[in-house]
């Protein structure tokens, strides 16, 4: 699947970057769980820790969240944090 140049999956985002969620790829179960945690299109995410192995730690909606690399791969983000809802 080819992605737009300004979009990438959350697992490829570096520590310290502020990104905006664009869309969620996956089945109903994943989307339901992710949106329940707060991963919704338009939400601002700050990557607190991404060592490229193991889980990512992100700041989302005033909460630190650890998310597995496989799930982070299904979250597509854009690098325009000014367009995000907080």
N, C-alpha and C. Protein backbone atom coordinates (compact mmCIF):
# COMPACT_ATOMS: atom_id res chain seq x y z
N UNK A 1 0.83 -1.18 0.00
CA UNK A 1 0.00 0.00 0.00
C UNK A 1 0.88 1.24 0.00
N UNK A 2 0.65 2.13 -0.92
CA UNK A 2 1.43 3.34 -1.02
C UNK A 2 0.79 4.44 -0.18
N UNK A 3 1.61 5.12 0.65
CA UNK A 3 1.09 6.18 1.50
C UNK A 3 1.51 7.53 0.95
N UNK A 4 0.73 8.57 1.29
CA UNK A 4 1.09 9.92 0.90
C UNK A 4 2.37 10.31 1.63
N UNK A 5 3.11 11.25 1.07
CA UNK A 5 4.40 11.62 1.63
C UNK A 5 4.30 12.18 3.04
N UNK A 6 3.20 12.82 3.41
CA UNK A 6 3.04 13.40 4.74
C UNK A 6 2.42 12.43 5.72
N UNK A 7 2.11 11.21 5.30
CA UNK A 7 1.48 10.23 6.18
C UNK A 7 2.41 9.04 6.38
N UNK A 8 2.41 8.51 7.60
CA UNK A 8 3.16 7.31 7.92
C UNK A 8 2.49 6.62 9.09
N UNK A 9 2.88 5.39 9.35
CA UNK A 9 2.29 4.69 10.48
C UNK A 9 2.96 5.16 11.78
N UNK A 10 2.23 5.07 12.87
CA UNK A 10 2.70 5.57 14.16
C UNK A 10 4.00 4.89 14.59
N UNK A 11 4.18 3.62 14.25
CA UNK A 11 5.41 2.92 14.66
C UNK A 11 6.66 3.47 13.97
N UNK A 12 6.51 4.23 12.91
CA UNK A 12 7.65 4.82 12.20
C UNK A 12 7.92 6.27 12.60
N UNK A 13 7.20 6.74 13.62
CA UNK A 13 7.35 8.10 14.11
C UNK A 13 8.40 8.13 15.21
N UNK A 14 9.28 9.09 15.16
CA UNK A 14 10.39 9.17 16.11
C UNK A 14 9.99 9.76 17.46
N UNK A 15 10.77 9.45 18.46
CA UNK A 15 10.57 9.99 19.80
C UNK A 15 10.57 11.52 19.75
N UNK A 16 9.62 12.12 20.44
CA UNK A 16 9.52 13.57 20.51
C UNK A 16 8.65 14.22 19.44
N UNK A 17 8.24 13.46 18.44
CA UNK A 17 7.41 14.04 17.38
C UNK A 17 5.96 14.18 17.81
N UNK A 18 5.35 15.26 17.33
CA UNK A 18 3.92 15.53 17.53
C UNK A 18 3.24 15.26 16.20
N UNK A 19 2.26 14.37 16.22
CA UNK A 19 1.58 14.00 14.98
C UNK A 19 0.07 13.99 15.21
N UNK A 20 -0.64 13.96 14.11
CA UNK A 20 -2.10 13.96 14.13
C UNK A 20 -2.59 12.64 13.52
N UNK A 21 -3.52 11.99 14.18
CA UNK A 21 -4.06 10.74 13.65
C UNK A 21 -4.92 11.03 12.43
N UNK A 22 -4.64 10.34 11.34
CA UNK A 22 -5.41 10.50 10.10
C UNK A 22 -6.47 9.42 9.95
N UNK A 23 -6.08 8.15 10.16
CA UNK A 23 -7.04 7.06 10.02
C UNK A 23 -6.52 5.82 10.75
N UNK A 24 -7.43 4.89 10.96
CA UNK A 24 -7.11 3.61 11.59
C UNK A 24 -7.33 2.51 10.56
N UNK A 25 -6.34 1.65 10.39
CA UNK A 25 -6.47 0.51 9.48
C UNK A 25 -6.60 -0.74 10.34
N UNK A 26 -7.55 -1.56 10.04
CA UNK A 26 -7.71 -2.79 10.81
C UNK A 26 -9.16 -3.20 10.87
N UNK A 27 -9.38 -4.28 11.59
CA UNK A 27 -10.73 -4.81 11.73
C UNK A 27 -11.55 -4.07 12.76
N UNK A 28 -12.80 -4.49 12.88
CA UNK A 28 -13.72 -3.83 13.82
C UNK A 28 -13.22 -3.90 15.25
N UNK A 29 -12.67 -5.04 15.65
CA UNK A 29 -12.21 -5.20 17.02
C UNK A 29 -11.09 -4.20 17.33
N UNK A 30 -10.11 -4.10 16.45
CA UNK A 30 -9.01 -3.16 16.67
C UNK A 30 -9.52 -1.72 16.70
N UNK A 31 -10.35 -1.35 15.74
CA UNK A 31 -10.84 0.03 15.67
C UNK A 31 -11.66 0.37 16.91
N UNK A 32 -12.49 -0.56 17.36
CA UNK A 32 -13.28 -0.33 18.56
C UNK A 32 -12.40 -0.13 19.78
N UNK A 33 -11.38 -0.97 19.92
CA UNK A 33 -10.47 -0.86 21.06
C UNK A 33 -9.65 0.42 21.00
N UNK A 34 -9.13 0.74 19.83
CA UNK A 34 -8.30 1.94 19.67
C UNK A 34 -9.09 3.22 19.93
N UNK A 35 -10.30 3.29 19.40
CA UNK A 35 -11.10 4.50 19.63
C UNK A 35 -11.53 4.59 21.09
N UNK A 36 -11.74 3.46 21.74
CA UNK A 36 -12.07 3.46 23.16
C UNK A 36 -10.96 4.03 24.02
N UNK A 37 -9.72 3.81 23.60
CA UNK A 37 -8.56 4.36 24.32
C UNK A 37 -8.40 5.85 24.01
N UNK A 38 -8.86 6.28 22.84
CA UNK A 38 -8.73 7.69 22.47
C UNK A 38 -8.03 7.92 21.16
N UNK A 39 -7.63 6.87 20.46
CA UNK A 39 -6.99 7.00 19.16
C UNK A 39 -8.08 7.23 18.11
N UNK A 40 -8.43 8.49 17.90
CA UNK A 40 -9.46 8.84 16.93
C UNK A 40 -8.87 9.79 15.89
N UNK A 41 -9.38 9.75 14.67
CA UNK A 41 -8.88 10.68 13.66
C UNK A 41 -9.00 12.13 14.14
N UNK A 42 -7.91 12.88 13.96
CA UNK A 42 -7.87 14.27 14.38
C UNK A 42 -7.21 14.48 15.73
N UNK A 43 -6.98 13.40 16.48
CA UNK A 43 -6.39 13.53 17.81
C UNK A 43 -4.88 13.77 17.71
N UNK A 44 -4.37 14.59 18.61
CA UNK A 44 -2.94 14.89 18.68
C UNK A 44 -2.25 13.81 19.51
N UNK A 45 -1.12 13.30 19.00
CA UNK A 45 -0.33 12.29 19.69
C UNK A 45 1.11 12.80 19.77
N UNK A 46 1.71 12.68 20.96
CA UNK A 46 3.12 13.00 21.13
C UNK A 46 3.83 11.68 21.45
N UNK A 47 4.83 11.33 20.66
CA UNK A 47 5.57 10.10 20.87
C UNK A 47 6.61 10.35 21.96
N UNK A 48 6.42 9.70 23.11
CA UNK A 48 7.34 9.87 24.23
C UNK A 48 8.51 8.91 24.16
N UNK A 49 8.26 7.70 23.62
CA UNK A 49 9.34 6.70 23.54
C UNK A 49 9.08 5.77 22.38
N UNK A 50 10.06 5.66 21.50
CA UNK A 50 10.01 4.70 20.40
C UNK A 50 11.43 4.23 20.13
N UNK A 51 11.76 3.07 20.68
CA UNK A 51 13.10 2.50 20.50
C UNK A 51 13.21 1.61 19.28
N UNK A 52 12.15 1.58 18.46
CA UNK A 52 12.10 0.78 17.23
C UNK A 52 11.95 -0.71 17.50
N UNK A 53 11.92 -1.13 18.75
CA UNK A 53 11.57 -2.50 19.16
C UNK A 53 10.70 -2.38 20.41
N UNK A 54 9.79 -3.29 20.58
CA UNK A 54 8.92 -3.24 21.74
C UNK A 54 7.85 -2.17 21.59
N UNK A 55 7.10 -1.95 22.67
CA UNK A 55 5.97 -1.01 22.60
C UNK A 55 6.41 0.45 22.50
N UNK A 56 5.50 1.28 22.01
CA UNK A 56 5.69 2.72 21.99
C UNK A 56 4.96 3.30 23.19
N UNK A 57 5.47 4.39 23.73
CA UNK A 57 4.76 5.12 24.76
C UNK A 57 4.42 6.48 24.16
N UNK A 58 3.13 6.81 24.18
CA UNK A 58 2.67 8.05 23.60
C UNK A 58 1.85 8.84 24.61
N UNK A 59 1.75 10.12 24.38
CA UNK A 59 0.91 11.00 25.18
C UNK A 59 -0.30 11.32 24.33
N UNK A 60 -1.48 10.97 24.84
CA UNK A 60 -2.71 11.10 24.08
C UNK A 60 -3.83 11.51 25.02
N UNK A 61 -4.45 12.65 24.77
CA UNK A 61 -5.59 13.10 25.57
C UNK A 61 -5.28 13.13 27.07
N UNK A 62 -4.18 13.79 27.43
CA UNK A 62 -3.75 13.96 28.82
C UNK A 62 -3.41 12.65 29.53
N UNK A 63 -3.03 11.63 28.78
CA UNK A 63 -2.70 10.33 29.36
C UNK A 63 -1.52 9.71 28.61
N UNK A 64 -0.66 9.02 29.35
CA UNK A 64 0.40 8.24 28.71
C UNK A 64 -0.16 6.86 28.39
N UNK A 65 0.05 6.41 27.16
CA UNK A 65 -0.48 5.13 26.71
C UNK A 65 0.66 4.33 26.10
N UNK A 66 0.76 3.05 26.49
CA UNK A 66 1.70 2.14 25.84
C UNK A 66 0.92 1.35 24.81
N UNK A 67 1.47 1.28 23.61
CA UNK A 67 0.78 0.58 22.52
C UNK A 67 1.79 -0.33 21.82
N UNK A 68 1.35 -1.52 21.52
CA UNK A 68 2.21 -2.48 20.85
C UNK A 68 2.58 -2.03 19.44
N UNK A 69 3.70 -2.51 18.99
CA UNK A 69 4.21 -2.12 17.67
C UNK A 69 3.26 -2.53 16.55
N UNK A 70 2.64 -3.69 16.66
CA UNK A 70 1.70 -4.15 15.64
C UNK A 70 0.48 -3.25 15.54
N UNK A 71 -0.03 -2.83 16.69
CA UNK A 71 -1.17 -1.93 16.68
C UNK A 71 -0.76 -0.54 16.20
N UNK A 72 0.43 -0.09 16.59
CA UNK A 72 0.92 1.22 16.15
C UNK A 72 1.07 1.26 14.63
N UNK A 73 1.35 0.11 14.04
CA UNK A 73 1.50 0.02 12.58
C UNK A 73 0.17 0.26 11.87
N UNK A 74 -0.94 0.04 12.56
CA UNK A 74 -2.26 0.21 11.96
C UNK A 74 -2.81 1.63 12.13
N UNK A 75 -2.08 2.48 12.85
CA UNK A 75 -2.51 3.85 13.08
C UNK A 75 -1.74 4.76 12.13
N UNK A 76 -2.44 5.40 11.21
CA UNK A 76 -1.80 6.25 10.21
C UNK A 76 -1.87 7.70 10.72
N UNK A 77 -0.73 8.35 10.71
CA UNK A 77 -0.63 9.71 11.24
C UNK A 77 -0.07 10.65 10.17
N UNK A 78 -0.31 11.93 10.37
CA UNK A 78 0.24 12.96 9.51
C UNK A 78 1.08 13.91 10.34
N UNK A 79 1.98 14.60 9.71
CA UNK A 79 2.89 15.49 10.44
C UNK A 79 2.42 16.93 10.44
N UNK A 80 1.13 17.16 10.55
CA UNK A 80 0.59 18.52 10.61
C UNK A 80 -0.13 18.69 11.93
N UNK A 81 0.60 18.80 13.05
CA UNK A 81 -0.07 18.88 14.35
C UNK A 81 -0.94 20.12 14.54
N UNK A 82 -0.74 21.14 13.72
CA UNK A 82 -1.57 22.34 13.86
C UNK A 82 -3.01 22.07 13.42
N UNK A 83 -3.23 21.02 12.65
CA UNK A 83 -4.57 20.67 12.18
C UNK A 83 -5.28 19.71 13.12
N UNK A 84 -4.65 19.34 14.23
CA UNK A 84 -5.22 18.37 15.16
C UNK A 84 -6.19 19.02 16.14
N UNK A 85 -7.09 18.19 16.62
CA UNK A 85 -7.96 18.58 17.73
C UNK A 85 -7.27 18.12 19.01
N UNK A 86 -7.32 18.94 20.02
CA UNK A 86 -6.68 18.57 21.29
C UNK A 86 -7.73 18.09 22.27
